Amino acid sequence: MNIQGFIETKDSALIMPDYQGYGRSTDRSQELCKLTPKSGLEEKRKFRRQVVGFAWHVTNHEKYRWLNDAVCAISGEVRAPIGIPRDHVRQADVKLVFTVDENVWEPPPE
């Protein structure tokens, strides 16, 4: 994953995200899926590739300037339709779904 661009907020601020990461292999994603708590979605999730990465943001807008110092973790998955032959799946049917969570600074142990 290598995503850069601009986000315009409702209050007209511009934020430039920089998202870097990768999709885990299908085998590794399935292996890790077996370790997650049972949620009723195991059958769907075992066919989804996991995505992990980091995010940074840059802005000069005062309200969002705190983002310039934030480092975020990305966690998600590639969602493609199930039950359709792979050669019939259109790119528009595939979704990259992820969350971005700020890593909060804590002092290291003495």
N, C-alpha and C. Protein backbone atom coordinates (compact mmCIF):
# COMPACT_ATOMS: atom_id res chain seq x y z
N MET A 1 0.85 -1.17 0.00
CA MET A 1 0.00 0.00 0.00
C MET A 1 0.90 1.23 0.00
N ASN A 2 0.57 2.16 -0.86
CA ASN A 2 1.33 3.40 -0.97
C ASN A 2 0.33 4.46 -1.42
N ILE A 3 -0.29 5.15 -0.45
CA ILE A 3 -1.37 6.09 -0.75
C ILE A 3 -0.98 7.48 -0.26
N GLN A 4 -1.03 8.45 -1.16
CA GLN A 4 -0.87 9.85 -0.80
C GLN A 4 -1.98 10.62 -1.49
N GLY A 5 -2.29 11.79 -0.95
CA GLY A 5 -3.33 12.61 -1.56
C GLY A 5 -3.68 13.76 -0.65
N PHE A 6 -4.90 14.27 -0.80
CA PHE A 6 -5.38 15.37 0.03
C PHE A 6 -6.78 15.06 0.52
N ILE A 7 -7.05 15.46 1.75
CA ILE A 7 -8.38 15.38 2.33
C ILE A 7 -8.80 16.81 2.59
N GLU A 8 -9.99 17.20 2.11
CA GLU A 8 -10.53 18.51 2.44
C GLU A 8 -11.64 18.31 3.46
N THR A 9 -11.49 18.94 4.63
CA THR A 9 -12.47 18.80 5.70
C THR A 9 -13.67 19.71 5.45
N LYS A 10 -14.73 19.52 6.23
CA LYS A 10 -15.92 20.36 6.08
C LYS A 10 -15.63 21.82 6.37
N ASP A 11 -14.60 22.08 7.19
CA ASP A 11 -14.25 23.47 7.48
C ASP A 11 -13.11 23.97 6.59
N SER A 12 -12.96 23.34 5.42
CA SER A 12 -12.05 23.76 4.34
C SER A 12 -10.57 23.60 4.65
N ALA A 13 -10.21 22.80 5.62
CA ALA A 13 -8.80 22.52 5.89
C ALA A 13 -8.32 21.46 4.90
N LEU A 14 -7.05 21.56 4.50
CA LEU A 14 -6.44 20.54 3.66
C LEU A 14 -5.47 19.72 4.52
N ILE A 15 -5.60 18.40 4.44
CA ILE A 15 -4.73 17.48 5.16
C ILE A 15 -4.13 16.52 4.13
N MET A 16 -2.82 16.36 4.17
CA MET A 16 -2.16 15.46 3.24
C MET A 16 -1.81 14.16 3.97
N PRO A 17 -2.48 13.04 3.65
CA PRO A 17 -2.13 11.76 4.26
C PRO A 17 -1.02 11.05 3.47
N ASP A 18 -0.24 10.28 4.18
CA ASP A 18 0.78 9.41 3.58
C ASP A 18 0.63 8.05 4.25
N TYR A 19 0.07 7.09 3.54
CA TYR A 19 -0.20 5.76 4.08
C TYR A 19 0.73 4.77 3.40
N GLN A 20 1.48 4.03 4.20
CA GLN A 20 2.43 3.02 3.71
C GLN A 20 2.13 1.69 4.39
N GLY A 21 2.19 0.61 3.65
CA GLY A 21 1.95 -0.69 4.26
C GLY A 21 1.98 -1.80 3.22
N TYR A 22 1.43 -2.93 3.58
CA TYR A 22 1.40 -4.06 2.66
C TYR A 22 0.25 -4.99 3.01
N GLY A 23 -0.12 -5.81 2.03
CA GLY A 23 -1.10 -6.85 2.25
C GLY A 23 -0.36 -8.14 2.59
N ARG A 24 -0.78 -8.78 3.63
CA ARG A 24 -0.17 -10.07 3.98
C ARG A 24 -0.59 -11.12 2.96
N SER A 25 0.20 -12.16 2.84
CA SER A 25 -0.15 -13.24 1.92
C SER A 25 -1.46 -13.88 2.35
N THR A 26 -2.14 -14.49 1.39
CA THR A 26 -3.40 -15.16 1.71
C THR A 26 -3.18 -16.24 2.76
N ASP A 27 -2.10 -17.02 2.64
CA ASP A 27 -1.81 -18.08 3.62
C ASP A 27 -1.61 -17.51 5.01
N ARG A 28 -0.82 -16.43 5.12
CA ARG A 28 -0.56 -15.82 6.43
C ARG A 28 -1.83 -15.21 7.00
N SER A 29 -2.64 -14.59 6.16
CA SER A 29 -3.90 -14.00 6.62
C SER A 29 -4.82 -15.07 7.18
N GLN A 30 -4.89 -16.23 6.49
CA GLN A 30 -5.76 -17.32 6.96
C GLN A 30 -5.23 -17.91 8.26
N GLU A 31 -3.92 -18.02 8.37
CA GLU A 31 -3.30 -18.54 9.59
C GLU A 31 -3.64 -17.64 10.78
N LEU A 32 -3.52 -16.32 10.60
CA LEU A 32 -3.80 -15.38 11.69
C LEU A 32 -5.29 -15.30 11.99
N CYS A 33 -6.13 -15.51 10.97
CA CYS A 33 -7.58 -15.47 11.17
C CYS A 33 -8.01 -16.56 12.15
N LYS A 34 -7.35 -17.70 12.12
CA LYS A 34 -7.69 -18.80 13.02
C LYS A 34 -7.43 -18.44 14.48
N LEU A 35 -6.54 -17.46 14.71
CA LEU A 35 -6.19 -17.07 16.07
C LEU A 35 -7.11 -16.02 16.66
N THR A 36 -7.98 -15.41 15.82
CA THR A 36 -8.86 -14.35 16.31
C THR A 36 -10.07 -14.97 17.01
N PRO A 37 -10.67 -14.21 17.95
CA PRO A 37 -11.85 -14.73 18.64
C PRO A 37 -12.99 -15.03 17.67
N LYS A 38 -13.80 -15.99 18.01
CA LYS A 38 -14.93 -16.37 17.16
C LYS A 38 -15.93 -15.22 17.12
N SER A 39 -16.31 -14.81 15.91
CA SER A 39 -17.22 -13.68 15.76
C SER A 39 -18.37 -13.98 14.81
N GLY A 40 -18.41 -15.19 14.27
CA GLY A 40 -19.43 -15.52 13.30
C GLY A 40 -19.04 -15.13 11.88
N LEU A 41 -17.88 -14.48 11.73
CA LEU A 41 -17.43 -14.04 10.40
C LEU A 41 -16.25 -14.86 9.90
N GLU A 42 -15.91 -15.94 10.59
CA GLU A 42 -14.71 -16.71 10.23
C GLU A 42 -14.73 -17.16 8.78
N GLU A 43 -15.89 -17.61 8.30
CA GLU A 43 -15.96 -18.13 6.93
C GLU A 43 -15.65 -17.04 5.91
N LYS A 44 -16.19 -15.83 6.13
CA LYS A 44 -15.89 -14.71 5.23
C LYS A 44 -14.44 -14.28 5.37
N ARG A 45 -13.99 -14.15 6.61
CA ARG A 45 -12.67 -13.57 6.85
C ARG A 45 -11.53 -14.48 6.37
N LYS A 46 -11.76 -15.77 6.31
CA LYS A 46 -10.65 -16.64 5.92
C LYS A 46 -10.25 -16.44 4.46
N PHE A 47 -11.09 -15.77 3.68
CA PHE A 47 -10.76 -15.50 2.29
C PHE A 47 -10.25 -14.07 2.06
N ARG A 48 -10.16 -13.28 3.13
CA ARG A 48 -9.73 -11.89 3.01
C ARG A 48 -8.26 -11.74 3.35
N ARG A 49 -7.55 -10.98 2.53
CA ARG A 49 -6.14 -10.68 2.81
C ARG A 49 -6.07 -9.54 3.81
N GLN A 50 -5.21 -9.69 4.79
CA GLN A 50 -5.03 -8.65 5.80
C GLN A 50 -4.09 -7.56 5.29
N VAL A 51 -4.33 -6.34 5.75
CA VAL A 51 -3.52 -5.19 5.39
C VAL A 51 -3.01 -4.56 6.68
N VAL A 52 -1.72 -4.23 6.72
CA VAL A 52 -1.14 -3.54 7.87
C VAL A 52 -0.24 -2.41 7.36
N GLY A 53 -0.09 -1.37 8.18
CA GLY A 53 0.77 -0.28 7.74
C GLY A 53 0.81 0.85 8.76
N PHE A 54 1.38 1.97 8.31
CA PHE A 54 1.49 3.16 9.14
C PHE A 54 1.02 4.37 8.36
N ALA A 55 0.56 5.39 9.09
CA ALA A 55 0.04 6.60 8.46
C ALA A 55 0.63 7.84 9.12
N TRP A 56 0.90 8.83 8.27
CA TRP A 56 1.34 10.15 8.72
C TRP A 56 0.45 11.17 8.02
N HIS A 57 0.29 12.32 8.64
CA HIS A 57 -0.52 13.39 8.05
C HIS A 57 0.21 14.71 8.20
N VAL A 58 0.01 15.61 7.22
CA VAL A 58 0.63 16.94 7.25
C VAL A 58 -0.44 17.96 6.92
N THR A 59 -0.49 19.04 7.70
CA THR A 59 -1.41 20.14 7.44
C THR A 59 -0.85 21.42 8.04
N ASN A 60 -1.28 22.55 7.49
CA ASN A 60 -0.89 23.82 8.12
C ASN A 60 -2.09 24.48 8.79
N HIS A 61 -3.24 23.78 8.82
CA HIS A 61 -4.44 24.32 9.46
C HIS A 61 -4.31 24.17 10.97
N GLU A 62 -4.53 25.26 11.68
CA GLU A 62 -4.32 25.28 13.14
C GLU A 62 -5.12 24.19 13.86
N LYS A 63 -6.36 23.99 13.47
CA LYS A 63 -7.24 23.03 14.16
C LYS A 63 -6.71 21.59 14.08
N TYR A 64 -6.02 21.26 12.98
CA TYR A 64 -5.57 19.89 12.75
C TYR A 64 -4.05 19.73 12.82
N ARG A 65 -3.37 20.78 13.24
CA ARG A 65 -1.91 20.76 13.25
C ARG A 65 -1.35 19.64 14.15
N TRP A 66 -2.10 19.20 15.13
CA TRP A 66 -1.65 18.10 16.01
C TRP A 66 -1.36 16.83 15.20
N LEU A 67 -2.01 16.69 14.03
CA LEU A 67 -1.77 15.52 13.19
C LEU A 67 -0.33 15.45 12.69
N ASN A 68 0.33 16.61 12.57
CA ASN A 68 1.71 16.63 12.07
C ASN A 68 2.66 15.84 12.97
N ASP A 69 2.31 15.70 14.24
CA ASP A 69 3.16 14.98 15.20
C ASP A 69 2.66 13.58 15.51
N ALA A 70 1.58 13.16 14.87
CA ALA A 70 0.98 11.86 15.16
C ALA A 70 1.52 10.79 14.21
N VAL A 71 1.74 9.61 14.75
CA VAL A 71 2.05 8.42 13.96
C VAL A 71 0.91 7.45 14.20
N CYS A 72 0.38 6.89 13.14
CA CYS A 72 -0.80 6.05 13.26
C CYS A 72 -0.54 4.65 12.69
N ALA A 73 -1.25 3.68 13.24
CA ALA A 73 -1.20 2.30 12.74
C ALA A 73 -2.43 2.04 11.88
N ILE A 74 -2.21 1.29 10.80
CA ILE A 74 -3.30 0.90 9.90
C ILE A 74 -3.52 -0.60 10.03
N SER A 75 -4.79 -0.99 10.14
CA SER A 75 -5.16 -2.40 10.20
C SER A 75 -6.42 -2.58 9.36
N GLY A 76 -6.41 -3.55 8.48
CA GLY A 76 -7.60 -3.74 7.65
C GLY A 76 -7.54 -5.00 6.83
N GLU A 77 -8.36 -5.01 5.77
CA GLU A 77 -8.42 -6.19 4.92
C GLU A 77 -8.91 -5.82 3.52
N VAL A 78 -8.58 -6.68 2.57
CA VAL A 78 -9.07 -6.56 1.20
C VAL A 78 -10.32 -7.42 1.10
N ARG A 79 -11.43 -6.79 0.76
CA ARG A 79 -12.71 -7.50 0.69
C ARG A 79 -13.13 -7.66 -0.78
N ALA A 80 -13.16 -8.90 -1.21
CA ALA A 80 -13.61 -9.24 -2.57
C ALA A 80 -14.85 -10.12 -2.45
N PRO A 81 -15.72 -10.10 -3.46
CA PRO A 81 -16.92 -10.94 -3.40
C PRO A 81 -16.57 -12.42 -3.27
N ILE A 82 -17.36 -13.13 -2.49
CA ILE A 82 -17.17 -14.56 -2.30
C ILE A 82 -18.12 -15.32 -3.21
N GLY A 83 -17.65 -16.42 -3.78
CA GLY A 83 -18.50 -17.26 -4.60
C GLY A 83 -18.50 -16.90 -6.07
N ILE A 84 -17.71 -15.89 -6.44
CA ILE A 84 -17.59 -15.51 -7.85
C ILE A 84 -16.20 -15.96 -8.31
N PRO A 85 -16.11 -16.62 -9.47
CA PRO A 85 -14.78 -17.01 -9.95
C PRO A 85 -13.86 -15.79 -10.04
N ARG A 86 -12.63 -15.99 -9.67
CA ARG A 86 -11.67 -14.89 -9.59
C ARG A 86 -11.58 -14.08 -10.89
N ASP A 87 -11.65 -14.75 -12.03
CA ASP A 87 -11.54 -14.04 -13.32
C ASP A 87 -12.80 -13.27 -13.68
N HIS A 88 -13.87 -13.40 -12.88
CA HIS A 88 -15.10 -12.64 -13.11
C HIS A 88 -15.25 -11.46 -12.13
N VAL A 89 -14.36 -11.35 -11.18
CA VAL A 89 -14.43 -10.25 -10.20
C VAL A 89 -13.89 -8.98 -10.83
N ARG A 90 -14.67 -7.90 -10.77
CA ARG A 90 -14.23 -6.61 -11.30
C ARG A 90 -13.51 -5.84 -10.20
N GLN A 91 -12.58 -4.98 -10.60
CA GLN A 91 -11.84 -4.17 -9.62
C GLN A 91 -12.80 -3.34 -8.76
N ALA A 92 -13.89 -2.86 -9.36
CA ALA A 92 -14.86 -2.04 -8.62
C ALA A 92 -15.55 -2.84 -7.51
N ASP A 93 -15.52 -4.18 -7.59
CA ASP A 93 -16.15 -5.02 -6.57
C ASP A 93 -15.23 -5.28 -5.38
N VAL A 94 -13.96 -4.93 -5.51
CA VAL A 94 -12.98 -5.18 -4.46
C VAL A 94 -12.82 -3.92 -3.62
N LYS A 95 -12.86 -4.05 -2.30
CA LYS A 95 -12.78 -2.91 -1.39
C LYS A 95 -11.58 -3.07 -0.46
N LEU A 96 -10.86 -1.98 -0.25
CA LEU A 96 -9.81 -1.92 0.75
C LEU A 96 -10.42 -1.20 1.95
N VAL A 97 -10.61 -1.93 3.05
CA VAL A 97 -11.26 -1.39 4.24
C VAL A 97 -10.25 -1.43 5.39
N PHE A 98 -10.02 -0.27 6.01
CA PHE A 98 -9.07 -0.26 7.12
C PHE A 98 -9.40 0.83 8.13
N THR A 99 -8.82 0.68 9.31
CA THR A 99 -8.93 1.70 10.35
C THR A 99 -7.56 2.32 10.54
N VAL A 100 -7.56 3.57 10.98
CA VAL A 100 -6.33 4.29 11.27
C VAL A 100 -6.42 4.72 12.73
N ASP A 101 -5.49 4.25 13.55
CA ASP A 101 -5.50 4.55 14.99
C ASP A 101 -4.19 5.22 15.39
N GLU A 102 -4.30 6.31 16.14
CA GLU A 102 -3.10 7.02 16.59
C GLU A 102 -2.36 6.22 17.65
N ASN A 103 -1.05 6.13 17.50
CA ASN A 103 -0.20 5.56 18.54
C ASN A 103 0.05 6.67 19.55
N VAL A 104 -0.29 6.43 20.80
CA VAL A 104 -0.16 7.45 21.85
C VAL A 104 1.16 7.27 22.56
N TRP A 105 1.90 8.36 22.69
CA TRP A 105 3.21 8.33 23.33
C TRP A 105 3.08 8.01 24.82
N GLU A 106 3.97 7.14 25.29
CA GLU A 106 4.11 6.85 26.71
C GLU A 106 5.60 6.80 26.99
N PRO A 107 6.02 7.25 28.17
CA PRO A 107 7.46 7.20 28.47
C PRO A 107 7.94 5.77 28.57
N PRO A 108 9.16 5.51 28.10
CA PRO A 108 9.71 4.15 28.21
C PRO A 108 10.04 3.83 29.67
N PRO A 109 10.14 2.56 30.00
CA PRO A 109 10.48 2.19 31.39
C PRO A 109 11.88 2.68 31.73
N GLU A 110 12.09 2.98 32.98
CA GLU A 110 13.42 3.44 33.46
C GLU A 110 14.39 2.28 33.47
